[in-house]
Amino acid sequence: MKANSIFNAIRHGILICNADGCIVFFNRVYGEFIGRELRDVRNRPITELRPGSHVPEVLRFRRPIENILRNENGQEYFASIYPLVESEMFNGTISLVTTIGQIEEHVSRDTRTLYERTREFEKQEILRAVALYGNTLEGKKMAAKSLGISLASLYNKLKD
């Protein structure tokens, strides 16, 4: 399977820039977000299209910037930008963009109550901890301790 089809299956905007801050790739969602086709802007600096972009900062310091709320050209969105490193070579950045509209759409489609969503979140966190520490009694004790709950609570929340 090609990376292109994988990136286009993701519902968040994805932008990849090279080590010079020039656009290498973006997925369909990102193209819709900026109103451009990749073929028209490939190899152009991201700062030409998005003057407030934090890509140059990530390139300079080689550290990610996560979950920043941006408002640019009347578009409100969250962005996370990560350095791309391959075989200890710094190759550029990858940005993940989620518009406020996407978040609102997701929230409006979720008809569960806050109580139901909270229970689901708790269960997922418990399952992650159990996966990390192991499904044995000792692993579950460690998971419960790391989550700040009793072993009995862990078992009760898993069976709900």
N, C-alpha and C. Protein backbone atom coordinates (compact mmCIF):
# COMPACT_ATOMS: atom_id res chain seq x y z
N MET A 1 0.84 -1.17 0.00
CA MET A 1 0.00 0.00 0.00
C MET A 1 0.89 1.24 0.00
N LYS A 2 0.54 2.22 -0.80
CA LYS A 2 1.34 3.43 -0.90
C LYS A 2 0.99 4.41 0.21
N ALA A 3 2.01 5.16 0.66
CA ALA A 3 1.82 6.17 1.71
C ALA A 3 0.78 7.19 1.30
N ASN A 4 0.75 7.54 0.02
CA ASN A 4 -0.19 8.52 -0.49
C ASN A 4 -1.63 8.12 -0.18
N SER A 5 -1.98 6.86 -0.44
CA SER A 5 -3.35 6.42 -0.19
C SER A 5 -3.63 6.35 1.32
N ILE A 6 -2.63 6.03 2.10
CA ILE A 6 -2.80 5.99 3.56
C ILE A 6 -3.07 7.40 4.07
N PHE A 7 -2.24 8.36 3.67
CA PHE A 7 -2.41 9.74 4.12
C PHE A 7 -3.76 10.31 3.69
N ASN A 8 -4.22 9.95 2.50
CA ASN A 8 -5.50 10.47 2.02
C ASN A 8 -6.69 9.80 2.69
N ALA A 9 -6.50 8.67 3.34
CA ALA A 9 -7.57 8.01 4.08
C ALA A 9 -7.79 8.68 5.45
N ILE A 10 -6.81 9.42 5.92
CA ILE A 10 -6.88 10.07 7.23
C ILE A 10 -7.71 11.34 7.12
N ARG A 11 -8.59 11.56 8.07
CA ARG A 11 -9.51 12.69 8.02
C ARG A 11 -8.92 14.00 8.54
N HIS A 12 -7.67 14.01 8.94
CA HIS A 12 -7.00 15.23 9.38
C HIS A 12 -6.08 15.69 8.27
N GLY A 13 -5.82 16.98 8.24
CA GLY A 13 -4.89 17.51 7.25
C GLY A 13 -3.47 17.09 7.58
N ILE A 14 -2.73 16.65 6.58
CA ILE A 14 -1.34 16.24 6.76
C ILE A 14 -0.49 17.02 5.76
N LEU A 15 0.56 17.65 6.28
CA LEU A 15 1.48 18.43 5.46
C LEU A 15 2.89 17.96 5.76
N ILE A 16 3.66 17.68 4.72
CA ILE A 16 5.06 17.30 4.89
C ILE A 16 5.92 18.34 4.20
N CYS A 17 6.88 18.88 4.94
CA CYS A 17 7.83 19.85 4.40
C CYS A 17 9.23 19.26 4.50
N ASN A 18 10.10 19.65 3.58
CA ASN A 18 11.48 19.18 3.63
C ASN A 18 12.28 20.02 4.62
N ALA A 19 13.57 19.76 4.72
CA ALA A 19 14.43 20.44 5.70
C ALA A 19 14.58 21.93 5.41
N ASP A 20 14.19 22.36 4.22
CA ASP A 20 14.23 23.78 3.87
C ASP A 20 12.88 24.47 4.11
N GLY A 21 11.89 23.73 4.60
CA GLY A 21 10.57 24.30 4.85
C GLY A 21 9.71 24.40 3.61
N CYS A 22 10.07 23.66 2.57
CA CYS A 22 9.29 23.66 1.33
C CYS A 22 8.33 22.48 1.33
N ILE A 23 7.18 22.69 0.73
CA ILE A 23 6.12 21.68 0.69
C ILE A 23 6.55 20.51 -0.19
N VAL A 24 6.48 19.32 0.38
CA VAL A 24 6.79 18.09 -0.34
C VAL A 24 5.49 17.36 -0.68
N PHE A 25 4.57 17.35 0.30
CA PHE A 25 3.32 16.59 0.14
C PHE A 25 2.28 17.17 1.08
N PHE A 26 1.03 17.11 0.68
CA PHE A 26 -0.08 17.23 1.61
C PHE A 26 -1.22 16.37 1.10
N ASN A 27 -2.06 15.92 2.06
CA ASN A 27 -3.16 15.05 1.67
C ASN A 27 -4.35 15.87 1.18
N ARG A 28 -5.38 15.18 0.73
CA ARG A 28 -6.57 15.80 0.17
C ARG A 28 -7.21 16.75 1.17
N VAL A 29 -7.30 16.35 2.44
CA VAL A 29 -7.95 17.18 3.46
C VAL A 29 -7.19 18.50 3.64
N TYR A 30 -5.86 18.43 3.68
CA TYR A 30 -5.08 19.66 3.82
C TYR A 30 -5.26 20.55 2.59
N GLY A 31 -5.28 19.96 1.42
CA GLY A 31 -5.50 20.72 0.19
C GLY A 31 -6.83 21.46 0.22
N GLU A 32 -7.88 20.79 0.70
CA GLU A 32 -9.19 21.43 0.83
C GLU A 32 -9.12 22.56 1.85
N PHE A 33 -8.39 22.33 2.92
CA PHE A 33 -8.25 23.32 3.99
C PHE A 33 -7.61 24.60 3.47
N ILE A 34 -6.56 24.50 2.67
CA ILE A 34 -5.89 25.70 2.17
C ILE A 34 -6.40 26.14 0.81
N GLY A 35 -7.26 25.33 0.19
CA GLY A 35 -7.84 25.68 -1.09
C GLY A 35 -6.84 25.64 -2.24
N ARG A 36 -5.91 24.70 -2.18
CA ARG A 36 -4.88 24.59 -3.22
C ARG A 36 -4.67 23.14 -3.62
N GLU A 37 -4.12 22.95 -4.80
CA GLU A 37 -3.72 21.63 -5.29
C GLU A 37 -2.22 21.48 -5.03
N LEU A 38 -1.80 20.27 -4.68
CA LEU A 38 -0.39 20.02 -4.40
C LEU A 38 0.48 20.38 -5.60
N ARG A 39 0.04 20.03 -6.79
CA ARG A 39 0.87 20.29 -7.98
C ARG A 39 1.16 21.78 -8.17
N ASP A 40 0.29 22.65 -7.63
CA ASP A 40 0.47 24.09 -7.79
C ASP A 40 1.43 24.70 -6.77
N VAL A 41 1.66 24.00 -5.66
CA VAL A 41 2.48 24.60 -4.60
C VAL A 41 3.66 23.73 -4.16
N ARG A 42 3.81 22.57 -4.75
CA ARG A 42 4.93 21.69 -4.39
C ARG A 42 6.25 22.46 -4.55
N ASN A 43 7.14 22.27 -3.61
CA ASN A 43 8.48 22.88 -3.56
C ASN A 43 8.48 24.36 -3.22
N ARG A 44 7.32 24.92 -2.88
CA ARG A 44 7.27 26.31 -2.42
C ARG A 44 7.37 26.33 -0.90
N PRO A 45 7.98 27.37 -0.34
CA PRO A 45 8.05 27.46 1.13
C PRO A 45 6.65 27.55 1.74
N ILE A 46 6.44 26.82 2.82
CA ILE A 46 5.13 26.83 3.48
C ILE A 46 4.78 28.24 3.94
N THR A 47 5.78 29.04 4.28
CA THR A 47 5.51 30.39 4.77
C THR A 47 4.92 31.31 3.68
N GLU A 48 5.05 30.94 2.41
CA GLU A 48 4.38 31.70 1.35
C GLU A 48 2.87 31.50 1.42
N LEU A 49 2.44 30.30 1.76
CA LEU A 49 1.01 29.99 1.84
C LEU A 49 0.44 30.26 3.23
N ARG A 50 1.20 29.96 4.25
CA ARG A 50 0.78 30.11 5.64
C ARG A 50 1.84 30.94 6.36
N PRO A 51 1.80 32.28 6.24
CA PRO A 51 2.85 33.13 6.80
C PRO A 51 3.10 32.91 8.29
N GLY A 52 2.10 32.51 9.04
CA GLY A 52 2.27 32.29 10.47
C GLY A 52 2.68 30.88 10.83
N SER A 53 3.07 30.09 9.86
CA SER A 53 3.41 28.69 10.09
C SER A 53 4.54 28.54 11.12
N HIS A 54 4.42 27.52 11.95
CA HIS A 54 5.45 27.22 12.94
C HIS A 54 6.48 26.22 12.41
N VAL A 55 6.36 25.82 11.15
CA VAL A 55 7.32 24.88 10.55
C VAL A 55 8.75 25.40 10.70
N PRO A 56 9.03 26.68 10.40
CA PRO A 56 10.42 27.15 10.56
C PRO A 56 10.96 26.99 11.98
N GLU A 57 10.10 27.16 12.97
CA GLU A 57 10.51 27.00 14.37
C GLU A 57 10.88 25.54 14.66
N VAL A 58 10.07 24.61 14.18
CA VAL A 58 10.37 23.19 14.38
C VAL A 58 11.65 22.82 13.64
N LEU A 59 11.84 23.38 12.46
CA LEU A 59 13.08 23.13 11.70
C LEU A 59 14.29 23.66 12.46
N ARG A 60 14.16 24.83 13.05
CA ARG A 60 15.29 25.46 13.75
C ARG A 60 15.66 24.69 15.03
N PHE A 61 14.65 24.37 15.84
CA PHE A 61 14.92 23.77 17.15
C PHE A 61 14.81 22.25 17.16
N ARG A 62 14.27 21.68 16.09
CA ARG A 62 14.12 20.22 15.95
C ARG A 62 13.36 19.59 17.10
N ARG A 63 12.36 20.32 17.56
CA ARG A 63 11.47 19.84 18.62
C ARG A 63 10.03 20.02 18.16
N PRO A 64 9.16 19.08 18.51
CA PRO A 64 7.76 19.20 18.08
C PRO A 64 7.04 20.35 18.78
N ILE A 65 6.03 20.83 18.14
CA ILE A 65 5.07 21.77 18.73
C ILE A 65 3.72 21.10 18.58
N GLU A 66 3.04 20.88 19.70
CA GLU A 66 1.80 20.10 19.65
C GLU A 66 0.60 20.91 20.10
N ASN A 67 -0.53 20.61 19.44
CA ASN A 67 -1.85 21.12 19.84
C ASN A 67 -1.90 22.63 20.00
N ILE A 68 -1.38 23.35 19.02
CA ILE A 68 -1.47 24.80 19.08
C ILE A 68 -2.74 25.23 18.38
N LEU A 69 -3.48 26.14 19.00
CA LEU A 69 -4.69 26.67 18.42
C LEU A 69 -4.29 27.84 17.54
N ARG A 70 -4.67 27.79 16.28
CA ARG A 70 -4.29 28.83 15.31
C ARG A 70 -5.54 29.46 14.73
N ASN A 71 -5.44 30.71 14.36
CA ASN A 71 -6.48 31.39 13.63
C ASN A 71 -5.77 32.18 12.55
N GLU A 72 -5.88 31.69 11.33
CA GLU A 72 -5.15 32.29 10.21
C GLU A 72 -6.10 32.41 9.02
N ASN A 73 -6.16 33.58 8.45
CA ASN A 73 -7.04 33.83 7.31
C ASN A 73 -8.49 33.42 7.60
N GLY A 74 -8.94 33.67 8.83
CA GLY A 74 -10.30 33.34 9.21
C GLY A 74 -10.55 31.86 9.45
N GLN A 75 -9.49 31.05 9.46
CA GLN A 75 -9.63 29.62 9.71
C GLN A 75 -9.09 29.31 11.10
N GLU A 76 -9.92 28.71 11.92
CA GLU A 76 -9.49 28.33 13.26
C GLU A 76 -9.22 26.82 13.25
N TYR A 77 -8.06 26.45 13.77
CA TYR A 77 -7.66 25.05 13.71
C TYR A 77 -6.61 24.73 14.77
N PHE A 78 -6.43 23.44 15.02
CA PHE A 78 -5.36 22.96 15.87
C PHE A 78 -4.29 22.36 14.97
N ALA A 79 -3.04 22.60 15.32
CA ALA A 79 -1.93 22.04 14.54
C ALA A 79 -0.90 21.45 15.48
N SER A 80 -0.33 20.35 15.05
CA SER A 80 0.82 19.74 15.71
C SER A 80 1.87 19.51 14.63
N ILE A 81 3.10 19.92 14.92
CA ILE A 81 4.17 19.82 13.93
C ILE A 81 5.32 19.04 14.56
N TYR A 82 5.78 18.02 13.83
CA TYR A 82 6.81 17.13 14.35
C TYR A 82 8.02 17.11 13.40
N PRO A 83 9.22 17.06 13.97
CA PRO A 83 10.40 16.89 13.11
C PRO A 83 10.43 15.48 12.55
N LEU A 84 10.91 15.34 11.32
CA LEU A 84 11.08 14.03 10.69
C LEU A 84 12.56 13.69 10.70
N VAL A 85 12.88 12.58 11.34
CA VAL A 85 14.26 12.14 11.46
C VAL A 85 14.34 10.72 10.93
N GLU A 86 15.30 10.48 10.05
CA GLU A 86 15.51 9.15 9.48
C GLU A 86 16.99 8.84 9.53
N SER A 87 17.34 7.73 10.15
CA SER A 87 18.75 7.34 10.30
C SER A 87 19.58 8.49 10.85
N GLU A 88 19.04 9.14 11.88
CA GLU A 88 19.67 10.25 12.56
C GLU A 88 19.89 11.48 11.68
N MET A 89 19.25 11.51 10.53
CA MET A 89 19.29 12.68 9.63
C MET A 89 17.97 13.43 9.77
N PHE A 90 18.06 14.73 9.95
CA PHE A 90 16.88 15.57 10.04
C PHE A 90 16.41 15.88 8.63
N ASN A 91 15.18 15.42 8.28
CA ASN A 91 14.69 15.51 6.91
C ASN A 91 13.57 16.52 6.67
N GLY A 92 13.00 17.09 7.72
CA GLY A 92 11.91 18.02 7.54
C GLY A 92 10.88 17.91 8.64
N THR A 93 9.62 18.18 8.30
CA THR A 93 8.55 18.16 9.30
C THR A 93 7.30 17.50 8.73
N ILE A 94 6.46 17.03 9.65
CA ILE A 94 5.11 16.59 9.30
C ILE A 94 4.16 17.33 10.23
N SER A 95 3.12 17.90 9.64
CA SER A 95 2.13 18.66 10.40
C SER A 95 0.79 17.94 10.31
N LEU A 96 0.09 17.92 11.43
CA LEU A 96 -1.27 17.37 11.49
C LEU A 96 -2.21 18.51 11.85
N VAL A 97 -3.24 18.71 11.05
CA VAL A 97 -4.15 19.83 11.22
C VAL A 97 -5.56 19.32 11.40
N THR A 98 -6.24 19.85 12.42
CA THR A 98 -7.63 19.53 12.67
C THR A 98 -8.39 20.84 12.78
N THR A 99 -9.38 21.02 11.94
CA THR A 99 -10.15 22.26 11.99
C THR A 99 -11.17 22.19 13.13
N ILE A 100 -11.56 23.35 13.59
CA ILE A 100 -12.59 23.42 14.62
C ILE A 100 -13.88 22.79 14.10
N GLY A 101 -14.17 22.96 12.82
CA GLY A 101 -15.34 22.34 12.21
C GLY A 101 -15.31 20.82 12.31
N GLN A 102 -14.12 20.23 12.11
CA GLN A 102 -14.00 18.78 12.23
C GLN A 102 -14.30 18.34 13.66
N ILE A 103 -13.83 19.10 14.63
CA ILE A 103 -14.07 18.76 16.03
C ILE A 103 -15.55 18.89 16.36
N GLU A 104 -16.16 19.99 15.90
CA GLU A 104 -17.60 20.20 16.14
C GLU A 104 -18.42 19.09 15.50
N GLU A 105 -18.04 18.69 14.29
CA GLU A 105 -18.76 17.61 13.59
C GLU A 105 -18.66 16.31 14.37
N HIS A 106 -17.46 16.01 14.88
CA HIS A 106 -17.26 14.79 15.65
C HIS A 106 -18.10 14.81 16.93
N VAL A 107 -18.09 15.95 17.63
CA VAL A 107 -18.83 16.07 18.87
C VAL A 107 -20.33 15.96 18.61
N SER A 108 -20.83 16.59 17.54
CA SER A 108 -22.27 16.56 17.28
C SER A 108 -22.75 15.17 16.86
N ARG A 109 -21.86 14.36 16.28
CA ARG A 109 -22.25 13.00 15.88
C ARG A 109 -22.28 12.04 17.06
N ASP A 110 -21.55 12.37 18.11
CA ASP A 110 -21.48 11.49 19.28
C ASP A 110 -22.69 11.75 20.16
N THR A 111 -23.63 10.83 20.15
CA THR A 111 -24.88 11.03 20.89
C THR A 111 -24.83 10.45 22.30
N ARG A 112 -23.66 9.92 22.67
CA ARG A 112 -23.55 9.37 24.02
C ARG A 112 -23.55 10.49 25.05
N THR A 113 -24.00 10.17 26.25
CA THR A 113 -23.98 11.15 27.33
C THR A 113 -22.54 11.33 27.81
N LEU A 114 -22.31 12.38 28.56
CA LEU A 114 -20.97 12.62 29.12
C LEU A 114 -20.57 11.45 30.01
N TYR A 115 -21.52 10.93 30.77
CA TYR A 115 -21.24 9.78 31.63
C TYR A 115 -20.76 8.59 30.79
N GLU A 116 -21.44 8.31 29.69
CA GLU A 116 -21.06 7.18 28.83
C GLU A 116 -19.68 7.39 28.21
N ARG A 117 -19.42 8.62 27.75
CA ARG A 117 -18.10 8.92 27.15
C ARG A 117 -17.00 8.82 28.18
N THR A 118 -17.27 9.28 29.40
CA THR A 118 -16.27 9.20 30.47
C THR A 118 -15.98 7.76 30.83
N ARG A 119 -17.00 6.93 30.91
CA ARG A 119 -16.81 5.50 31.20
C ARG A 119 -15.97 4.84 30.11
N GLU A 120 -16.25 5.17 28.86
CA GLU A 120 -15.49 4.61 27.74
C GLU A 120 -14.03 5.06 27.81
N PHE A 121 -13.82 6.33 28.13
CA PHE A 121 -12.45 6.85 28.26
C PHE A 121 -11.71 6.11 29.38
N GLU A 122 -12.36 5.94 30.53
CA GLU A 122 -11.75 5.23 31.65
C GLU A 122 -11.35 3.81 31.23
N LYS A 123 -12.27 3.14 30.57
CA LYS A 123 -12.01 1.76 30.16
C LYS A 123 -10.83 1.69 29.20
N GLN A 124 -10.76 2.62 28.26
CA GLN A 124 -9.64 2.63 27.30
C GLN A 124 -8.31 2.88 28.02
N GLU A 125 -8.30 3.78 28.99
CA GLU A 125 -7.08 4.05 29.75
C GLU A 125 -6.66 2.82 30.56
N ILE A 126 -7.62 2.14 31.13
CA ILE A 126 -7.32 0.92 31.88
C ILE A 126 -6.76 -0.15 30.95
N LEU A 127 -7.38 -0.32 29.79
CA LEU A 127 -6.89 -1.32 28.83
C LEU A 127 -5.48 -1.00 28.37
N ARG A 128 -5.18 0.29 28.17
CA ARG A 128 -3.81 0.67 27.79
C ARG A 128 -2.81 0.33 28.89
N ALA A 129 -3.19 0.62 30.13
CA ALA A 129 -2.30 0.33 31.26
C ALA A 129 -2.09 -1.17 31.41
N VAL A 130 -3.16 -1.95 31.25
CA VAL A 130 -3.03 -3.41 31.35
C VAL A 130 -2.17 -3.93 30.21
N ALA A 131 -2.32 -3.37 29.03
CA ALA A 131 -1.47 -3.78 27.89
C ALA A 131 -0.01 -3.46 28.18
N LEU A 132 0.24 -2.35 28.85
CA LEU A 132 1.61 -1.96 29.17
C LEU A 132 2.22 -2.85 30.24
N TYR A 133 1.47 -3.10 31.31
CA TYR A 133 2.02 -3.84 32.46
C TYR A 133 1.77 -5.35 32.40
N GLY A 134 0.84 -5.76 31.57
CA GLY A 134 0.57 -7.19 31.44
C GLY A 134 -0.78 -7.58 32.00
N ASN A 135 -1.32 -8.67 31.49
CA ASN A 135 -2.65 -9.13 31.86
C ASN A 135 -2.62 -10.09 33.05
N THR A 136 -1.49 -10.25 33.67
CA THR A 136 -1.39 -11.10 34.86
C THR A 136 -1.90 -10.33 36.07
N LEU A 137 -2.07 -11.02 37.18
CA LEU A 137 -2.50 -10.36 38.41
C LEU A 137 -1.50 -9.26 38.79
N GLU A 138 -0.21 -9.58 38.71
CA GLU A 138 0.82 -8.60 39.05
C GLU A 138 0.78 -7.40 38.10
N GLY A 139 0.57 -7.67 36.82
CA GLY A 139 0.45 -6.59 35.84
C GLY A 139 -0.75 -5.70 36.12
N LYS A 140 -1.86 -6.31 36.48
CA LYS A 140 -3.07 -5.54 36.78
C LYS A 140 -2.89 -4.72 38.06
N LYS A 141 -2.17 -5.26 39.03
CA LYS A 141 -1.87 -4.49 40.25
C LYS A 141 -1.04 -3.25 39.89
N MET A 142 -0.04 -3.45 39.03
CA MET A 142 0.82 -2.32 38.61
C MET A 142 0.01 -1.31 37.81
N ALA A 143 -0.89 -1.80 36.95
CA ALA A 143 -1.74 -0.90 36.16
C ALA A 143 -2.63 -0.08 37.08
N ALA A 144 -3.26 -0.73 38.05
CA ALA A 144 -4.13 -0.02 38.99
C ALA A 144 -3.35 1.04 39.76
N LYS A 145 -2.16 0.67 40.20
CA LYS A 145 -1.32 1.63 40.94
C LYS A 145 -0.96 2.82 40.06
N SER A 146 -0.59 2.57 38.81
CA SER A 146 -0.20 3.67 37.92
C SER A 146 -1.38 4.59 37.61
N LEU A 147 -2.60 4.05 37.64
CA LEU A 147 -3.80 4.84 37.37
C LEU A 147 -4.37 5.49 38.63
N GLY A 148 -3.84 5.12 39.80
CA GLY A 148 -4.32 5.68 41.05
C GLY A 148 -5.68 5.15 41.47
N ILE A 149 -5.96 3.89 41.11
CA ILE A 149 -7.22 3.26 41.51
C ILE A 149 -6.90 1.93 42.19
N SER A 150 -7.89 1.39 42.87
CA SER A 150 -7.68 0.09 43.52
C SER A 150 -7.79 -1.02 42.48
N LEU A 151 -7.27 -2.18 42.83
CA LEU A 151 -7.37 -3.33 41.95
C LEU A 151 -8.84 -3.71 41.75
N ALA A 152 -9.65 -3.59 42.82
CA ALA A 152 -11.08 -3.88 42.71
C ALA A 152 -11.76 -2.94 41.71
N SER A 153 -11.40 -1.65 41.77
CA SER A 153 -11.97 -0.69 40.82
C SER A 153 -11.57 -1.03 39.40
N LEU A 154 -10.32 -1.43 39.22
CA LEU A 154 -9.86 -1.81 37.89
C LEU A 154 -10.73 -2.95 37.34
N TYR A 155 -10.93 -3.98 38.15
CA TYR A 155 -11.75 -5.11 37.71
C TYR A 155 -13.20 -4.68 37.44
N ASN A 156 -13.77 -3.85 38.31
CA ASN A 156 -15.15 -3.40 38.13
C ASN A 156 -15.31 -2.58 36.85
N LYS A 157 -14.36 -1.72 36.57
CA LYS A 157 -14.45 -0.88 35.38
C LYS A 157 -14.24 -1.68 34.12
N LEU A 158 -13.47 -2.76 34.20
CA LEU A 158 -13.25 -3.61 33.02
C LEU A 158 -14.50 -4.41 32.67
N LYS A 159 -15.27 -4.80 33.67
CA LYS A 159 -16.44 -5.64 33.37
C LYS A 159 -17.66 -4.82 32.95
N ASP A 160 -17.66 -3.52 33.18
CA ASP A 160 -18.81 -2.66 32.78
C ASP A 160 -18.92 -2.59 31.28
